[in-house]
Amino acid sequence: MGPVELPAWLQPRYRKNAYLFIYYLIQFCGHSWIFTNMTVRFFSFGKDSVVDTFYAIGLVMRLCQSVSLLELLHIYVGIESDHLLPRLLQLTERIIILFVVITSQEEVQEKYVVCVLFIFWNLLDMVRYTYSMLSVIGISYAVLTWLSQTLWMPIYPLCVLAEGSRTHVSSINEGSLFTGLALLWT
């Protein structure tokens, strides 16, 4: 009786792709849950839902952004072939905005800009993780590829405007603990 052959998806050359597929799937599920929750809440409660967006989905948002730090490890180890510096800058910016500015200041959590940022971030991540997940298994859709390559162009400047306008200005006006950080970014 010879050695038992592993299924194809468990063989060493496929483990990396299986891991990345599962990672992208988990991230896609998290971000799509946030986006769907925000959309349903908005259509159910109207403008009132915008004010308590952070209270409704903040925990899942923090979890998804924390897990996304694994991408730096993926790039460093060589599991993903992406540039480290741009991804590091994007993740650092999001972590600082989410954990330092929004999570730590209750007065900022109720601002409309938090809802806008979460919509932009989750829209980008849903498209990016869907594209990456399907690319790992060799599936390519022209529309999804186009969205993945171009959607960030209008949304990144809008995110920067949103981050710079209300979040940091309110931090400065209210004399918060992070005034120095806010001054650096405005």
Protein backbone atom coordinates (compact mmCIF):
# COMPACT_ATOMS: atom_id res chain seq x y z
CA MET A 1 0.00 0.00 0.00
CA GLY A 2 1.62 3.23 -1.17
CA PRO A 3 1.27 6.75 0.17
CA VAL A 4 -2.11 8.36 -0.12
CA GLU A 5 -2.18 11.17 -2.63
CA LEU A 6 -3.58 14.46 -1.33
CA PRO A 7 -6.38 16.20 -3.17
CA ALA A 8 -5.12 18.84 -5.62
CA TRP A 9 -6.15 21.77 -3.43
CA LEU A 10 -4.06 20.43 -0.51
CA GLN A 11 -0.86 19.88 -2.47
CA PRO A 12 1.95 22.31 -1.60
CA ARG A 13 1.72 24.37 -4.78
CA TYR A 14 -1.99 25.00 -4.17
CA ARG A 15 -1.84 25.76 -0.44
CA LYS A 16 -0.80 29.36 -1.04
CA ASN A 17 -3.69 29.92 -3.46
CA ALA A 18 -6.15 28.20 -1.13
CA TYR A 19 -4.98 30.36 1.78
CA LEU A 20 -5.18 33.58 -0.27
CA PHE A 21 -8.61 32.64 -1.61
CA ILE A 22 -9.92 32.06 1.92
CA TYR A 23 -8.30 35.28 3.18
CA TYR A 24 -9.83 37.33 0.33
CA LEU A 25 -13.19 35.61 0.83
CA ILE A 26 -13.23 36.45 4.55
CA GLN A 27 -12.30 40.07 3.84
CA PHE A 28 -14.90 40.30 1.08
CA CYS A 29 -17.58 38.90 3.39
CA GLY A 30 -16.65 41.36 6.15
CA HIS A 31 -16.64 44.41 3.89
CA SER A 32 -19.77 43.41 2.02
CA TRP A 33 -21.56 42.84 5.35
CA ILE A 34 -20.58 46.35 6.45
CA PHE A 35 -21.65 47.90 3.15
CA THR A 36 -24.93 45.98 3.07
CA ASN A 37 -25.67 46.79 6.71
CA MET A 38 -25.05 50.49 6.09
CA THR A 39 -27.26 50.46 2.99
CA VAL A 40 -30.14 48.63 4.67
CA ARG A 41 -29.93 50.87 7.73
CA PHE A 42 -29.98 53.96 5.54
CA PHE A 43 -33.07 52.81 3.62
CA SER A 44 -34.77 51.73 6.85
CA PHE A 45 -33.96 54.67 9.12
CA GLY A 46 -32.95 57.44 6.72
CA LYS A 47 -30.59 60.16 7.95
CA ASP A 48 -30.84 58.90 11.53
CA SER A 49 -28.82 55.83 10.57
CA VAL A 50 -25.87 57.93 9.40
CA VAL A 51 -25.24 59.39 12.85
CA ASP A 52 -24.89 56.02 14.58
CA THR A 53 -23.03 54.24 11.78
CA PHE A 54 -19.97 53.73 13.93
CA TYR A 55 -21.98 52.21 16.77
CA ALA A 56 -23.68 49.78 14.38
CA ILE A 57 -20.69 48.57 12.36
CA GLY A 58 -17.58 49.95 14.05
CA LEU A 59 -16.54 46.65 15.61
CA VAL A 60 -16.65 44.75 12.31
CA MET A 61 -14.87 47.64 10.56
CA ARG A 62 -12.08 47.58 13.14
CA LEU A 63 -11.83 43.81 12.81
CA CYS A 64 -11.59 43.93 9.00
CA GLN A 65 -8.97 46.68 9.08
CA SER A 66 -6.97 44.82 11.73
CA VAL A 67 -7.02 41.61 9.70
CA SER A 68 -5.91 43.56 6.62
CA LEU A 69 -2.56 44.10 8.34
CA LEU A 70 -1.82 40.50 7.32
CA GLU A 71 -1.42 41.83 3.77
CA LEU A 72 1.84 43.47 4.80
CA LEU A 73 3.08 40.09 5.98
CA HIS A 74 1.85 38.48 2.75
CA ILE A 75 3.84 40.96 0.68
CA TYR A 76 6.93 40.73 2.89
CA VAL A 77 6.98 36.92 2.87
CA GLY A 78 6.23 36.76 -0.86
CA ILE A 79 2.78 35.21 -0.78
CA GLU A 80 1.40 38.25 -2.61
CA SER A 81 3.25 40.05 -5.37
CA ASP A 82 2.45 43.66 -4.61
CA HIS A 83 4.43 46.74 -3.64
CA LEU A 84 4.96 47.04 0.11
CA LEU A 85 5.24 50.82 0.49
CA PRO A 86 1.91 51.87 -1.09
CA ARG A 87 0.04 49.19 0.84
CA LEU A 88 1.84 50.15 4.06
CA LEU A 89 0.88 53.80 3.58
CA GLN A 90 -2.75 52.97 2.85
CA LEU A 91 -3.09 50.66 5.84
CA THR A 92 -1.28 53.05 8.17
CA GLU A 93 -3.57 55.89 7.13
CA ARG A 94 -6.70 53.81 7.65
CA ILE A 95 -5.55 52.43 10.99
CA ILE A 96 -4.69 55.91 12.28
CA ILE A 97 -7.98 57.39 11.05
CA LEU A 98 -10.06 54.49 12.37
CA PHE A 99 -8.37 53.74 15.68
CA VAL A 100 -6.74 57.01 16.69
CA VAL A 101 -9.18 59.60 15.40
CA ILE A 102 -12.60 57.92 15.14
CA THR A 103 -12.57 55.18 17.79
CA SER A 104 -10.98 57.26 20.50
CA GLN A 105 -13.24 60.32 20.10
CA GLU A 106 -16.95 59.90 20.62
CA GLU A 107 -17.78 63.31 19.18
CA VAL A 108 -16.17 62.31 15.87
CA GLN A 109 -18.04 58.98 15.76
CA GLU A 110 -21.35 60.79 15.23
CA LYS A 111 -20.18 62.84 12.24
CA TYR A 112 -21.53 62.19 8.77
CA VAL A 113 -17.98 61.94 7.47
CA VAL A 114 -17.53 58.61 9.28
CA CYS A 115 -20.38 57.13 7.26
CA VAL A 116 -18.95 58.57 4.04
CA LEU A 117 -15.48 57.17 4.77
CA PHE A 118 -16.86 53.75 5.61
CA ILE A 119 -18.86 53.68 2.38
CA PHE A 120 -15.83 54.64 0.29
CA TRP A 121 -13.46 52.25 2.06
CA ASN A 122 -15.85 49.31 1.86
CA LEU A 123 -16.78 49.96 -1.75
CA LEU A 124 -13.11 49.93 -2.73
CA ASP A 125 -12.34 46.87 -0.65
CA MET A 126 -15.33 44.88 -1.91
CA VAL A 127 -14.17 45.38 -5.49
CA ARG A 128 -10.49 44.80 -4.65
CA TYR A 129 -11.06 41.62 -2.66
CA THR A 130 -13.48 40.22 -5.24
CA TYR A 131 -10.96 40.85 -8.00
CA SER A 132 -8.09 39.35 -5.96
CA MET A 133 -10.16 36.34 -4.88
CA LEU A 134 -11.14 35.50 -8.44
CA SER A 135 -7.63 36.17 -9.77
CA VAL A 136 -6.19 33.60 -7.36
CA ILE A 137 -8.33 30.88 -8.92
CA GLY A 138 -7.75 32.12 -12.47
CA ILE A 139 -11.07 33.77 -13.19
CA SER A 140 -11.09 37.14 -14.89
CA TYR A 141 -14.01 39.41 -15.73
CA ALA A 142 -13.31 42.47 -17.87
CA VAL A 143 -15.74 44.71 -15.96
CA LEU A 144 -14.36 43.66 -12.57
CA THR A 145 -10.78 44.14 -13.78
CA TRP A 146 -11.66 47.60 -15.07
CA LEU A 147 -13.38 48.51 -11.78
CA SER A 148 -10.45 47.21 -9.75
CA GLN A 149 -7.99 49.26 -11.79
CA THR A 150 -9.99 52.50 -12.05
CA LEU A 151 -12.45 52.83 -9.16
CA TRP A 152 -9.77 54.09 -6.81
CA MET A 153 -9.06 57.11 -9.04
CA PRO A 154 -12.20 59.09 -8.12
CA ILE A 155 -12.66 57.58 -4.65
CA TYR A 156 -9.18 58.15 -3.15
CA PRO A 157 -9.32 61.94 -3.61
CA LEU A 158 -12.85 61.93 -2.15
CA CYS A 159 -11.58 59.95 0.85
CA VAL A 160 -8.75 62.43 1.38
CA LEU A 161 -11.22 65.32 1.21
CA ALA A 162 -13.55 63.61 3.65
CA GLU A 163 -10.75 62.72 6.05
CA GLY A 164 -9.24 66.16 5.91
CA SER A 165 -12.42 68.17 6.12
CA ARG A 166 -14.64 67.18 9.02
CA THR A 167 -12.75 64.59 11.02
CA HIS A 168 -9.57 66.56 11.54
CA VAL A 169 -11.17 69.98 11.67
CA SER A 170 -13.52 68.81 14.41
CA SER A 171 -10.55 67.43 16.31
CA ILE A 172 -8.83 70.80 16.16
CA ASN A 173 -11.94 72.79 17.03
CA GLU A 174 -12.81 70.66 20.04
CA GLY A 175 -9.28 70.73 21.50
CA SER A 176 -8.88 66.99 21.56
CA LEU A 177 -5.95 64.90 22.60
CA PHE A 178 -4.91 64.44 18.99
CA THR A 179 -4.67 68.09 17.99
CA GLY A 180 -1.04 67.69 16.96
CA LEU A 181 -1.88 64.77 14.70
CA ALA A 182 -4.82 66.66 13.26
CA LEU A 183 -2.68 69.71 12.57
CA LEU A 184 -0.22 67.57 10.63
CA TRP A 185 -2.97 66.27 8.33
CA THR A 186 -4.94 69.44 7.64
